[in-house]
Amino acid sequence: MAQFKISVGWEVYATTYIEADNLKQAIEIVNEDDFPLPTDTNYIDGTFNVDMESTIELNRKENNYHTISDVIEAQCTLEPIVCANCGSTEVTFNQGIGDGQCADCGEWQLEFLNKQ
């Protein structure tokens, strides 16, 4: 069985306590790059997601995947082509129109990328 890297993200909220002369200064302190992240956080329901672009990029070289952009740049068919929408490798490139369609989710690759 193969192993894959999946790039995920989610949102949390937290409260932190800052000693400062005024609210403006407290906000400035929190916005500094070296301010430590709070450790007592709460997950925001429904925010967990997979970053498809990063996930494809993380896995494409190791698993010899190609994107529709790779195919267009190479000016020849490269396989397998990974879907930018669902991650499937069931993408068929149509040389006549210069785009590929995923058999699993139905997305045309350039159309999907242009929506983002």
PDB file of N, CA and C in Angstrom:
ATOM      1  N   MET A   1       0.844  -1.176   0.000  1.00  0.00           N
ATOM      2  CA  MET A   1       0.000   0.000   0.000  1.00  0.00           C
ATOM      3  C   MET A   1       0.892   1.243   0.000  1.00  0.00           C
ATOM      4  N   ALA A   2       0.553   2.214  -0.814  1.00  0.00           N
ATOM      5  CA  ALA A   2       1.346   3.433  -0.944  1.00  0.00           C
ATOM      6  C   ALA A   2       1.051   4.403   0.205  1.00  0.00           C
ATOM      7  N   GLN A   3       1.993   5.295   0.452  1.00  0.00           N
ATOM      8  CA  GLN A   3       1.815   6.318   1.478  1.00  0.00           C
ATOM      9  C   GLN A   3       1.793   7.680   0.795  1.00  0.00           C
ATOM     10  N   PHE A   4       0.883   8.539   1.220  1.00  0.00           N
ATOM     11  CA  PHE A   4       0.727   9.851   0.611  1.00  0.00           C
ATOM     12  C   PHE A   4       0.799  10.937   1.675  1.00  0.00           C
ATOM     13  N   LYS A   5       1.278  12.111   1.267  1.00  0.00           N
ATOM     14  CA  LYS A   5       1.292  13.294   2.132  1.00  0.00           C
ATOM     15  C   LYS A   5       0.057  14.116   1.790  1.00  0.00           C
ATOM     16  N   ILE A   6      -0.743  14.421   2.781  1.00  0.00           N
ATOM     17  CA  ILE A   6      -1.954  15.204   2.569  1.00  0.00           C
ATOM     18  C   ILE A   6      -1.821  16.512   3.340  1.00  0.00           C
ATOM     19  N   SER A   7      -1.918  17.624   2.625  1.00  0.00           N
ATOM     20  CA  SER A   7      -1.817  18.945   3.239  1.00  0.00           C
ATOM     21  C   SER A   7      -3.200  19.359   3.737  1.00  0.00           C
ATOM     22  N   VAL A   8      -3.318  19.539   5.043  1.00  0.00           N
ATOM     23  CA  VAL A   8      -4.606  19.882   5.634  1.00  0.00           C
ATOM     24  C   VAL A   8      -4.496  21.183   6.423  1.00  0.00           C
ATOM     25  N   GLY A   9      -5.614  21.789   6.648  1.00  0.00           N
ATOM     26  CA  GLY A   9      -5.664  23.013   7.444  1.00  0.00           C
ATOM     27  C   GLY A   9      -6.984  23.103   8.180  1.00  0.00           C
ATOM     28  N   TRP A  10      -7.011  23.919   9.202  1.00  0.00           N
ATOM     29  CA  TRP A  10      -8.224  24.171   9.958  1.00  0.00           C
ATOM     30  C   TRP A  10      -8.039  25.473  10.713  1.00  0.00           C
ATOM     31  N   GLU A  11      -9.143  25.981  11.232  1.00  0.00           N
ATOM     32  CA  GLU A  11      -9.091  27.227  11.984  1.00  0.00           C
ATOM     33  C   GLU A  11      -9.362  26.954  13.456  1.00  0.00           C
ATOM     34  N   VAL A  12      -8.691  27.718  14.282  1.00  0.00           N
ATOM     35  CA  VAL A  12      -8.924  27.662  15.724  1.00  0.00           C
ATOM     36  C   VAL A  12      -9.068  29.088  16.237  1.00  0.00           C
ATOM     37  N   TYR A  13      -9.629  29.218  17.407  1.00  0.00           N
ATOM     38  CA  TYR A  13      -9.654  30.529  18.053  1.00  0.00           C
ATOM     39  C   TYR A  13      -9.116  30.360  19.470  1.00  0.00           C
ATOM     40  N   ALA A  14      -8.628  31.436  19.999  1.00  0.00           N
ATOM     41  CA  ALA A  14      -8.062  31.407  21.346  1.00  0.00           C
ATOM     42  C   ALA A  14      -8.138  32.801  21.939  1.00  0.00           C
ATOM     43  N   THR A  15      -7.957  32.858  23.228  1.00  0.00           N
ATOM     44  CA  THR A  15      -7.851  34.132  23.930  1.00  0.00           C
ATOM     45  C   THR A  15      -6.463  34.183  24.549  1.00  0.00           C
ATOM     46  N   THR A  16      -5.826  35.316  24.432  1.00  0.00           N
ATOM     47  CA  THR A  16      -4.515  35.484  25.048  1.00  0.00           C
ATOM     48  C   THR A  16      -4.550  36.750  25.896  1.00  0.00           C
ATOM     49  N   TYR A  17      -3.739  36.793  26.901  1.00  0.00           N
ATOM     50  CA  TYR A  17      -3.718  37.932  27.813  1.00  0.00           C
ATOM     51  C   TYR A  17      -2.394  38.683  27.628  1.00  0.00           C
ATOM     52  N   ILE A  18      -2.496  39.994  27.423  1.00  0.00           N
ATOM     53  CA  ILE A  18      -1.341  40.835  27.121  1.00  0.00           C
ATOM     54  C   ILE A  18      -1.284  41.992  28.123  1.00  0.00           C
ATOM     55  N   GLU A  19      -0.105  42.240  28.622  1.00  0.00           N
ATOM     56  CA  GLU A  19       0.101  43.425  29.455  1.00  0.00           C
ATOM     57  C   GLU A  19       0.620  44.543  28.566  1.00  0.00           C
ATOM     58  N   ALA A  20      -0.099  45.660  28.562  1.00  0.00           N
ATOM     59  CA  ALA A  20       0.269  46.803  27.721  1.00  0.00           C
ATOM     60  C   ALA A  20      -0.325  48.068  28.317  1.00  0.00           C
ATOM     61  N   ASP A  21       0.109  49.206  27.789  1.00  0.00           N
ATOM     62  CA  ASP A  21      -0.399  50.493  28.280  1.00  0.00           C
ATOM     63  C   ASP A  21      -1.807  50.777  27.789  1.00  0.00           C
ATOM     64  N   ASN A  22      -2.141  50.247  26.603  1.00  0.00           N
ATOM     65  CA  ASN A  22      -3.477  50.478  26.048  1.00  0.00           C
ATOM     66  C   ASN A  22      -3.818  49.355  25.065  1.00  0.00           C
ATOM     67  N   LEU A  23      -5.055  49.341  24.597  1.00  0.00           N
ATOM     68  CA  LEU A  23      -5.531  48.285  23.695  1.00  0.00           C
ATOM     69  C   LEU A  23      -4.762  48.278  22.381  1.00  0.00           C
ATOM     70  N   LYS A  24      -4.489  49.459  21.844  1.00  0.00           N
ATOM     71  CA  LYS A  24      -3.750  49.551  20.586  1.00  0.00           C
ATOM     72  C   LYS A  24      -2.378  48.882  20.715  1.00  0.00           C
ATOM     73  N   GLN A  25      -1.681  49.162  21.791  1.00  0.00           N
ATOM     74  CA  GLN A  25      -0.359  48.566  22.015  1.00  0.00           C
ATOM     75  C   GLN A  25      -0.471  47.045  22.194  1.00  0.00           C
ATOM     76  N   ALA A  26      -1.508  46.594  22.883  1.00  0.00           N
ATOM     77  CA  ALA A  26      -1.706  45.152  23.087  1.00  0.00           C
ATOM     78  C   ALA A  26      -1.918  44.443  21.746  1.00  0.00           C
ATOM     79  N   ILE A  27      -2.700  45.044  20.875  1.00  0.00           N
ATOM     80  CA  ILE A  27      -2.938  44.462  19.548  1.00  0.00           C
ATOM     81  C   ILE A  27      -1.647  44.452  18.731  1.00  0.00           C
ATOM     82  N   GLU A  28      -0.869  45.516  18.813  1.00  0.00           N
ATOM     83  CA  GLU A  28       0.418  45.564  18.107  1.00  0.00           C
ATOM     84  C   GLU A  28       1.354  44.453  18.589  1.00  0.00           C
ATOM     85  N   ILE A  29       1.372  44.198  19.879  1.00  0.00           N
ATOM     86  CA  ILE A  29       2.225  43.139  20.435  1.00  0.00           C
ATOM     87  C   ILE A  29       1.801  41.774  19.880  1.00  0.00           C
ATOM     88  N   VAL A  30       0.509  41.526  19.856  1.00  0.00           N
ATOM     89  CA  VAL A  30      -0.007  40.243  19.357  1.00  0.00           C
ATOM     90  C   VAL A  30       0.276  40.082  17.864  1.00  0.00           C
ATOM     91  N   ASN A  31       0.291  41.162  17.114  1.00  0.00           N
ATOM     92  CA  ASN A  31       0.518  41.095  15.665  1.00  0.00           C
ATOM     93  C   ASN A  31       1.989  40.962  15.270  1.00  0.00           C
ATOM     94  N   GLU A  32       2.898  40.999  16.245  1.00  0.00           N
ATOM     95  CA  GLU A  32       4.319  40.852  15.924  1.00  0.00           C
ATOM     96  C   GLU A  32       4.615  39.430  15.459  1.00  0.00           C
ATOM     97  N   ASP A  33       5.546  39.291  14.506  1.00  0.00           N
ATOM     98  CA  ASP A  33       5.878  37.986  13.928  1.00  0.00           C
ATOM     99  C   ASP A  33       6.367  36.970  14.944  1.00  0.00           C
ATOM    100  N   ASP A  34       7.042  37.431  15.990  1.00  0.00           N
ATOM    101  CA  ASP A  34       7.608  36.489  16.952  1.00  0.00           C
ATOM    102  C   ASP A  34       6.695  36.230  18.157  1.00  0.00           C
ATOM    103  N   PHE A  35       5.440  36.711  18.086  1.00  0.00           N
ATOM    104  CA  PHE A  35       4.505  36.459  19.178  1.00  0.00           C
ATOM    105  C   PHE A  35       4.146  34.969  19.189  1.00  0.00           C
ATOM    106  N   PRO A  36       4.271  34.302  20.342  1.00  0.00           N
ATOM    107  CA  PRO A  36       3.987  32.859  20.381  1.00  0.00           C
ATOM    108  C   PRO A  36       2.494  32.562  20.203  1.00  0.00           C
ATOM    109  N   LEU A  37       2.215  31.490  19.493  1.00  0.00           N
ATOM    110  CA  LEU A  37       0.820  31.089  19.316  1.00  0.00           C
ATOM    111  C   LEU A  37       0.245  30.597  20.642  1.00  0.00           C
ATOM    112  N   PRO A  38      -1.001  30.951  20.912  1.00  0.00           N
ATOM    113  CA  PRO A  38      -1.630  30.449  22.136  1.00  0.00           C
ATOM    114  C   PRO A  38      -1.752  28.923  22.083  1.00  0.00           C
ATOM    115  N   THR A  39      -1.647  28.288  23.236  1.00  0.00           N
ATOM    116  CA  THR A  39      -1.725  26.828  23.280  1.00  0.00           C
ATOM    117  C   THR A  39      -3.105  26.320  23.678  1.00  0.00           C
ATOM    118  N   ASP A  40      -3.906  27.140  24.316  1.00  0.00           N
ATOM    119  CA  ASP A  40      -5.254  26.748  24.715  1.00  0.00           C
ATOM    120  C   ASP A  40      -6.220  27.211  23.625  1.00  0.00           C
ATOM    121  N   THR A  41      -6.373  26.378  22.587  1.00  0.00           N
ATOM    122  CA  THR A  41      -7.165  26.772  21.415  1.00  0.00           C
ATOM    123  C   THR A  41      -8.438  25.936  21.315  1.00  0.00           C
ATOM    124  N   ASN A  42      -9.370  26.432  20.530  1.00  0.00           N
ATOM    125  CA  ASN A  42     -10.641  25.745  20.272  1.00  0.00           C
ATOM    126  C   ASN A  42     -10.848  25.648  18.768  1.00  0.00           C
ATOM    127  N   TYR A  43     -11.132  24.438  18.306  1.00  0.00           N
ATOM    128  CA  TYR A  43     -11.374  24.177  16.887  1.00  0.00           C
ATOM    129  C   TYR A  43     -12.683  24.828  16.441  1.00  0.00           C
ATOM    130  N   ILE A  44     -12.667  25.458  15.271  1.00  0.00           N
ATOM    131  CA  ILE A  44     -13.880  26.041  14.699  1.00  0.00           C
ATOM    132  C   ILE A  44     -14.513  24.986  13.806  1.00  0.00           C
ATOM    133  N   ASP A  45     -15.695  24.522  14.194  1.00  0.00           N
ATOM    134  CA  ASP A  45     -16.390  23.456  13.455  1.00  0.00           C
ATOM    135  C   ASP A  45     -16.513  23.771  11.974  1.00  0.00           C
ATOM    136  N   GLY A  46     -16.263  22.749  11.165  1.00  0.00           N
ATOM    137  CA  GLY A  46     -16.461  22.858   9.719  1.00  0.00           C
ATOM    138  C   GLY A  46     -15.310  23.489   8.965  1.00  0.00           C
ATOM    139  N   THR A  47     -14.190  23.782   9.631  1.00  0.00           N
ATOM    140  CA  THR A  47     -13.090  24.459   8.938  1.00  0.00           C
ATOM    141  C   THR A  47     -11.996  23.510   8.459  1.00  0.00           C
ATOM    142  N   PHE A  48     -12.048  22.235   8.834  1.00  0.00           N
ATOM    143  CA  PHE A  48     -11.026  21.277   8.402  1.00  0.00           C
ATOM    144  C   PHE A  48     -11.152  21.062   6.903  1.00  0.00           C
ATOM    145  N   ASN A  49     -10.031  21.202   6.176  1.00  0.00           N
ATOM    146  CA  ASN A  49     -10.078  20.983   4.729  1.00  0.00           C
ATOM    147  C   ASN A  49      -8.737  20.472   4.213  1.00  0.00           C
ATOM    148  N   VAL A  50      -8.793  19.890   3.038  1.00  0.00           N
ATOM    149  CA  VAL A  50      -7.587  19.428   2.350  1.00  0.00           C
ATOM    150  C   VAL A  50      -7.199  20.493   1.344  1.00  0.00           C
ATOM    151  N   ASP A  51      -5.946  20.916   1.364  1.00  0.00           N
ATOM    152  CA  ASP A  51      -5.426  21.865   0.381  1.00  0.00           C
ATOM    153  C   ASP A  51      -4.985  21.042  -0.829  1.00  0.00           C
ATOM    154  N   MET A  52      -5.853  20.965  -1.832  1.00  0.00           N
ATOM    155  CA  MET A  52      -5.599  20.093  -2.986  1.00  0.00           C
ATOM    156  C   MET A  52      -4.337  20.498  -3.737  1.00  0.00           C
ATOM    157  N   GLU A  53      -4.126  21.785  -3.940  1.00  0.00           N
ATOM    158  CA  GLU A  53      -2.957  22.238  -4.693  1.00  0.00           C
ATOM    159  C   GLU A  53      -1.663  21.791  -4.012  1.00  0.00           C
ATOM    160  N   SER A  54      -1.570  21.999  -2.706  1.00  0.00           N
ATOM    161  CA  SER A  54      -0.372  21.586  -1.969  1.00  0.00           C
ATOM    162  C   SER A  54      -0.234  20.071  -1.925  1.00  0.00           C
ATOM    163  N   THR A  55      -1.346  19.375  -1.731  1.00  0.00           N
ATOM    164  CA  THR A  55      -1.314  17.915  -1.664  1.00  0.00           C
ATOM    165  C   THR A  55      -0.828  17.320  -2.972  1.00  0.00           C
ATOM    166  N   ILE A  56      -1.327  17.832  -4.084  1.00  0.00           N
ATOM    167  CA  ILE A  56      -0.878  17.344  -5.394  1.00  0.00           C
ATOM    168  C   ILE A  56       0.608  17.610  -5.562  1.00  0.00           C
ATOM    169  N   GLU A  57       1.032  18.808  -5.202  1.00  0.00           N
ATOM    170  CA  GLU A  57       2.445  19.171  -5.343  1.00  0.00           C
ATOM    171  C   GLU A  57       3.334  18.302  -4.450  1.00  0.00           C
ATOM    172  N   LEU A  58       2.893  18.014  -3.241  1.00  0.00           N
ATOM    173  CA  LEU A  58       3.666  17.172  -2.321  1.00  0.00           C
ATOM    174  C   LEU A  58       3.856  15.754  -2.851  1.00  0.00           C
ATOM    175  N   ASN A  59       2.872  15.258  -3.593  1.00  0.00           N
ATOM    176  CA  ASN A  59       2.880  13.863  -4.010  1.00  0.00           C
ATOM    177  C   ASN A  59       3.254  13.627  -5.462  1.00  0.00           C
ATOM    178  N   ARG A  60       3.229  14.650  -6.293  1.00  0.00           N
ATOM    179  CA  ARG A  60       3.369  14.406  -7.725  1.00  0.00           C
ATOM    180  C   ARG A  60       4.751  13.917  -8.136  1.00  0.00           C
ATOM    181  N   LYS A  61       5.796  14.396  -7.549  1.00  0.00           N
ATOM    182  CA  LYS A  61       7.133  13.933  -7.936  1.00  0.00           C
ATOM    183  C   LYS A  61       7.401  12.531  -7.407  1.00  0.00           C
ATOM    184  N   GLU A  62       7.052  12.297  -6.139  1.00  0.00           N
ATOM    185  CA  GLU A  62       7.276  10.983  -5.540  1.00  0.00           C
ATOM    186  C   GLU A  62       6.470   9.890  -6.238  1.00  0.00           C
ATOM    187  N   ASN A  63       5.287  10.232  -6.686  1.00  0.00           N
ATOM    188  CA  ASN A  63       4.407   9.241  -7.301  1.00  0.00           C
ATOM    189  C   ASN A  63       4.313   9.401  -8.814  1.00  0.00           C
ATOM    190  N   ASN A  64       5.163  10.263  -9.364  1.00  0.00           N
ATOM    191  CA  ASN A  64       5.223  10.493 -10.797  1.00  0.00           C
ATOM    192  C   ASN A  64       3.886  10.940 -11.392  1.00  0.00           C
ATOM    193  N   TYR A  65       3.193  11.834 -10.662  1.00  0.00           N
ATOM    194  CA  TYR A  65       1.964  12.427 -11.161  1.00  0.00           C
ATOM    195  C   TYR A  65       2.296  13.659 -11.986  1.00  0.00           C
ATOM    196  N   HIS A  66       1.380  14.028 -12.838  1.00  0.00           N
ATOM    197  CA  HIS A  66       1.538  15.244 -13.636  1.00  0.00           C
ATOM    198  C   HIS A  66       0.263  16.071 -13.511  1.00  0.00           C
ATOM    199  N   THR A  67       0.407  17.364 -13.628  1.00  0.00           N
ATOM    200  CA  THR A  67      -0.760  18.243 -13.640  1.00  0.00           C
ATOM    201  C   THR A  67      -1.070  18.611 -15.084  1.00  0.00           C
ATOM    202  N   ILE A  68      -2.228  19.184 -15.289  1.00  0.00           N
ATOM    203  CA  ILE A  68      -2.606  19.609 -16.646  1.00  0.00           C
ATOM    204  C   ILE A  68      -1.628  20.665 -17.141  1.00  0.00           C
ATOM    205  N   SER A  69      -1.093  21.473 -16.241  1.00  0.00           N
ATOM    206  CA  SER A  69      -0.098  22.486 -16.617  1.00  0.00           C
ATOM    207  C   SER A  69       1.185  21.829 -17.109  1.00  0.00           C
ATOM    208  N   ASP A  70       1.585  20.702 -16.481  1.00  0.00           N
ATOM    209  CA  ASP A  70       2.765  19.957 -16.939  1.00  0.00           C
ATOM    210  C   ASP A  70       2.579  19.483 -18.372  1.00  0.00           C
ATOM    211  N   VAL A  71       1.387  18.965 -18.661  1.00  0.00           N
ATOM    212  CA  VAL A  71       1.092  18.429 -19.997  1.00  0.00           C
ATOM    213  C   VAL A  71       1.153  19.543 -21.035  1.00  0.00           C
ATOM    214  N   ILE A  72       0.541  20.667 -20.729  1.00  0.00           N
ATOM    215  CA  ILE A  72       0.525  21.798 -21.672  1.00  0.00           C
ATOM    216  C   ILE A  72       1.941  22.314 -21.889  1.00  0.00           C
ATOM    217  N   GLU A  73       2.714  22.419 -20.823  1.00  0.00           N
ATOM    218  CA  GLU A  73       4.087  22.902 -20.936  1.00  0.00           C
ATOM    219  C   GLU A  73       4.966  21.936 -21.732  1.00  0.00           C
ATOM    220  N   ALA A  74       4.787  20.639 -21.527  1.00  0.00           N
ATOM    221  CA  ALA A  74       5.593  19.632 -22.222  1.00  0.00           C
ATOM    222  C   ALA A  74       5.178  19.466 -23.688  1.00  0.00           C
ATOM    223  N   GLN A  75       3.967  19.901 -24.012  1.00  0.00           N
ATOM    224  CA  GLN A  75       3.408  19.785 -25.357  1.00  0.00           C
ATOM    225  C   GLN A  75       3.336  18.332 -25.826  1.00  0.00           C
ATOM    226  N   CYS A  76       3.125  17.448 -24.862  1.00  0.00           N
ATOM    227  CA  CYS A  76       2.885  16.039 -25.163  1.00  0.00           C
ATOM    228  C   CYS A  76       2.122  15.434 -23.995  1.00  0.00           C
ATOM    229  N   THR A  77       1.536  14.297 -24.212  1.00  0.00           N
ATOM    230  CA  THR A  77       0.770  13.655 -23.158  1.00  0.00           C
ATOM    231  C   THR A  77       1.688  13.026 -22.126  1.00  0.00           C
ATOM    232  N   LEU A  78       1.447  13.354 -20.869  1.00  0.00           N
ATOM    233  CA  LEU A  78       2.154  12.768 -19.734  1.00  0.00           C
ATOM    234  C   LEU A  78       1.113  12.040 -18.883  1.00  0.00           C
ATOM    235  N   GLU A  79       1.457  10.895 -18.380  1.00  0.00           N
ATOM    236  CA  GLU A  79       0.498  10.155 -17.556  1.00  0.00           C
ATOM    237  C   GLU A  79       1.186   9.608 -16.324  1.00  0.00           C
ATOM    238  N   PRO A  80       0.479   9.437 -15.225  1.00  0.00           N
ATOM    239  CA  PRO A  80      -0.913   9.835 -15.017  1.00  0.00           C
ATOM    240  C   PRO A  80      -1.035  11.332 -14.723  1.00  0.00           C
ATOM    241  N   ILE A  81      -2.192  11.864 -15.072  1.00  0.00           N
ATOM    242  CA  ILE A  81      -2.511  13.262 -14.787  1.00  0.00           C
ATOM    243  C   ILE A  81      -3.399  13.267 -13.550  1.00  0.00           C
ATOM    244  N   VAL A  82      -3.054  14.087 -12.586  1.00  0.00           N
ATOM    245  CA  VAL A  82      -3.830  14.148 -11.354  1.00  0.00           C
ATOM    246  C   VAL A  82      -4.841  15.294 -11.433  1.00  0.00           C
ATOM    247  N   CYS A  83      -6.056  15.027 -10.968  1.00  0.00           N
ATOM    248  CA  CYS A  83      -7.136  16.013 -11.004  1.00  0.00           C
ATOM    249  C   CYS A  83      -6.915  17.093  -9.947  1.00  0.00           C
ATOM    250  N   ALA A  84      -7.016  18.341 -10.355  1.00  0.00           N
ATOM    251  CA  ALA A  84      -6.838  19.480  -9.448  1.00  0.00           C
ATOM    252  C   ALA A  84      -8.007  19.617  -8.477  1.00  0.00           C
ATOM    253  N   ASN A  85      -9.132  18.996  -8.779  1.00  0.00           N
ATOM    254  CA  ASN A  85     -10.307  19.099  -7.920  1.00  0.00           C
ATOM    255  C   ASN A  85     -10.373  17.980  -6.884  1.00  0.00           C
ATOM    256  N   CYS A  86     -10.255  16.715  -7.327  1.00  0.00           N
ATOM    257  CA  CYS A  86     -10.487  15.605  -6.404  1.00  0.00           C
ATOM    258  C   CYS A  86      -9.257  14.742  -6.139  1.00  0.00           C
ATOM    259  N   GLY A  87      -8.156  14.953  -6.863  1.00  0.00           N
ATOM    260  CA  GLY A  87      -6.940  14.184  -6.639  1.00  0.00           C
ATOM    261  C   GLY A  87      -6.887  12.859  -7.370  1.00  0.00           C
ATOM    262  N   SER A  88      -7.912  12.533  -8.117  1.00  0.00           N
ATOM    263  CA  SER A  88      -7.934  11.286  -8.882  1.00  0.00           C
ATOM    264  C   SER A  88      -6.892  11.326  -9.991  1.00  0.00           C
ATOM    265  N   THR A  89      -6.414  10.169 -10.390  1.00  0.00           N
ATOM    266  CA  THR A  89      -5.492  10.097 -11.531  1.00  0.00           C
ATOM    267  C   THR A  89      -6.212   9.609 -12.781  1.00  0.00           C
ATOM    268  N   GLU A  90      -7.521   9.712 -12.781  1.00  0.00           N
ATOM    269  CA  GLU A  90      -8.326   9.300 -13.937  1.00  0.00           C
ATOM    270  C   GLU A  90      -8.660  10.513 -14.812  1.00  0.00           C
ATOM    271  N   VAL A  91      -7.632  11.239 -15.231  1.00  0.00           N
ATOM    272  CA  VAL A  91      -7.821  12.420 -16.075  1.00  0.00           C
ATOM    273  C   VAL A  91      -7.372  12.080 -17.491  1.00  0.00           C
ATOM    274  N   THR A  92      -8.235  12.365 -18.446  1.00  0.00           N
ATOM    275  CA  THR A  92      -7.919  12.139 -19.849  1.00  0.00           C
ATOM    276  C   THR A  92      -7.700  13.489 -20.520  1.00  0.00           C
ATOM    277  N   PHE A  93      -6.545  13.628 -21.161  1.00  0.00           N
ATOM    278  CA  PHE A  93      -6.210  14.878 -21.841  1.00  0.00           C
ATOM    279  C   PHE A  93      -6.745  14.842 -23.258  1.00  0.00           C
ATOM    280  N   ASN A  94      -7.449  15.893 -23.658  1.00  0.00           N
ATOM    281  CA  ASN A  94      -7.986  16.021 -25.009  1.00  0.00           C
ATOM    282  C   ASN A  94      -7.103  17.008 -25.758  1.00  0.00           C
ATOM    283  N   GLN A  95      -6.276  16.499 -26.669  1.00  0.00           N
ATOM    284  CA  GLN A  95      -5.343  17.362 -27.390  1.00  0.00           C
ATOM    285  C   GLN A  95      -6.051  18.370 -28.273  1.00  0.00           C
ATOM    286  N   GLY A  96      -7.219  18.035 -28.750  1.00  0.00           N
ATOM    287  CA  GLY A  96      -7.977  18.940 -29.623  1.00  0.00           C
ATOM    288  C   GLY A  96      -8.358  20.237 -28.950  1.00  0.00           C
ATOM    289  N   ILE A  97      -8.691  20.165 -27.674  1.00  0.00           N
ATOM    290  CA  ILE A  97      -9.085  21.377 -26.957  1.00  0.00           C
ATOM    291  C   ILE A  97      -8.027  21.819 -25.947  1.00  0.00           C
ATOM    292  N   GLY A  98      -7.007  20.997 -25.731  1.00  0.00           N
ATOM    293  CA  GLY A  98      -5.923  21.374 -24.821  1.00  0.00           C
ATOM    294  C   GLY A  98      -6.325  21.381 -23.357  1.00  0.00           C
ATOM    295  N   ASP A  99      -7.208  20.460 -22.975  1.00  0.00           N
ATOM    296  CA  ASP A  99      -7.657  20.384 -21.593  1.00  0.00           C
ATOM    297  C   ASP A  99      -7.904  18.924 -21.245  1.00  0.00           C
ATOM    298  N   GLY A 100      -7.997  18.631 -19.972  1.00  0.00           N
ATOM    299  CA  GLY A 100      -8.259  17.272 -19.520  1.00  0.00           C
ATOM    300  C   GLY A 100      -9.486  17.233 -18.647  1.00  0.00           C
ATOM    301  N   GLN A 101     -10.216  16.107 -18.719  1.00  0.00           N
ATOM    302  CA  GLN A 101     -11.410  15.937 -17.897  1.00  0.00           C
ATOM    303  C   GLN A 101     -11.216  14.737 -16.980  1.00  0.00           C
ATOM    304  N   CYS A 102     -11.634  14.902 -15.732  1.00  0.00           N
ATOM    305  CA  CYS A 102     -11.526  13.837 -14.741  1.00  0.00           C
ATOM    306  C   CYS A 102     -12.718  12.899 -14.882  1.00  0.00           C
ATOM    307  N   ALA A 103     -12.435  11.603 -14.972  1.00  0.00           N
ATOM    308  CA  ALA A 103     -13.506  10.614 -15.075  1.00  0.00           C
ATOM    309  C   ALA A 103     -14.251  10.446 -13.753  1.00  0.00           C
ATOM    310  N   ASP A 104     -13.610  10.767 -12.639  1.00  0.00           N
ATOM    311  CA  ASP A 104     -14.252  10.574 -11.342  1.00  0.00           C
ATOM    312  C   ASP A 104     -15.178  11.722 -10.942  1.00  0.00           C
ATOM    313  N   CYS A 105     -14.725  12.964 -11.088  1.00  0.00           N
ATOM    314  CA  CYS A 105     -15.564  14.092 -10.650  1.00  0.00           C
ATOM    315  C   CYS A 105     -16.156  14.885 -11.813  1.00  0.00           C
ATOM    316  N   GLY A 106     -15.660  14.647 -13.035  1.00  0.00           N
ATOM    317  CA  GLY A 106     -16.209  15.324 -14.211  1.00  0.00           C
ATOM    318  C   GLY A 106     -15.628  16.700 -14.498  1.00  0.00           C
ATOM    319  N   GLU A 107     -14.756  17.196 -13.646  1.00  0.00           N
ATOM    320  CA  GLU A 107     -14.206  18.548 -13.832  1.00  0.00           C
ATOM    321  C   GLU A 107     -13.230  18.615 -15.000  1.00  0.00           C
ATOM    322  N   TRP A 108     -13.401  19.647 -15.807  1.00  0.00           N
ATOM    323  CA  TRP A 108     -12.390  19.991 -16.799  1.00  0.00           C
ATOM    324  C   TRP A 108     -11.317  20.746 -16.041  1.00  0.00           C
ATOM    325  N   GLN A 109     -10.078  20.393 -16.226  1.00  0.00           N
ATOM    326  CA  GLN A 109      -8.995  20.891 -15.397  1.00  0.00           C
ATOM    327  C   GLN A 109      -8.755  22.390 -15.530  1.00  0.00           C
ATOM    328  N   LEU A 110      -8.651  22.913 -16.733  1.00  0.00           N
ATOM    329  CA  LEU A 110      -8.408  24.352 -16.894  1.00  0.00           C
ATOM    330  C   LEU A 110      -9.589  25.169 -16.391  1.00  0.00           C
ATOM    331  N   GLU A 111     -10.792  24.677 -16.646  1.00  0.00           N
ATOM    332  CA  GLU A 111     -11.987  25.375 -16.176  1.00  0.00           C
ATOM    333  C   GLU A 111     -11.990  25.431 -14.647  1.00  0.00           C
ATOM    334  N   PHE A 112     -11.636  24.309 -14.002  1.00  0.00           N
ATOM    335  CA  PHE A 112     -11.584  24.275 -12.534  1.00  0.00           C
ATOM    336  C   PHE A 112     -10.529  25.233 -12.012  1.00  0.00           C
ATOM    337  N   LEU A 113      -9.343  25.209 -12.609  1.00  0.00           N
ATOM    338  CA  LEU A 113      -8.247  26.075 -12.151  1.00  0.00           C
ATOM    339  C   LEU A 113      -8.595  27.546 -12.338  1.00  0.00           C
ATOM    340  N   ASN A 114      -9.334  27.871 -13.411  1.00  0.00           N
ATOM    341  CA  ASN A 114      -9.724  29.263 -13.670  1.00  0.00           C
ATOM    342  C   ASN A 114     -10.794  29.751 -12.699  1.00  0.00           C
ATOM    343  N   LYS A 115     -11.558  28.824 -12.084  1.00  0.00           N
ATOM    344  CA  LYS A 115     -12.583  29.186 -11.107  1.00  0.00           C
ATOM    345  C   LYS A 115     -11.966  29.656  -9.803  1.00  0.00           C
ATOM    346  N   GLN A 116     -10.772  29.154  -9.508  1.00  0.00           N
ATOM    347  CA  GLN A 116     -10.144  29.454  -8.213  1.00  0.00           C
ATOM    348  C   GLN A 116      -9.565  30.811  -8.150  1.00  0.00           C
TER     349      GLN A 116
END
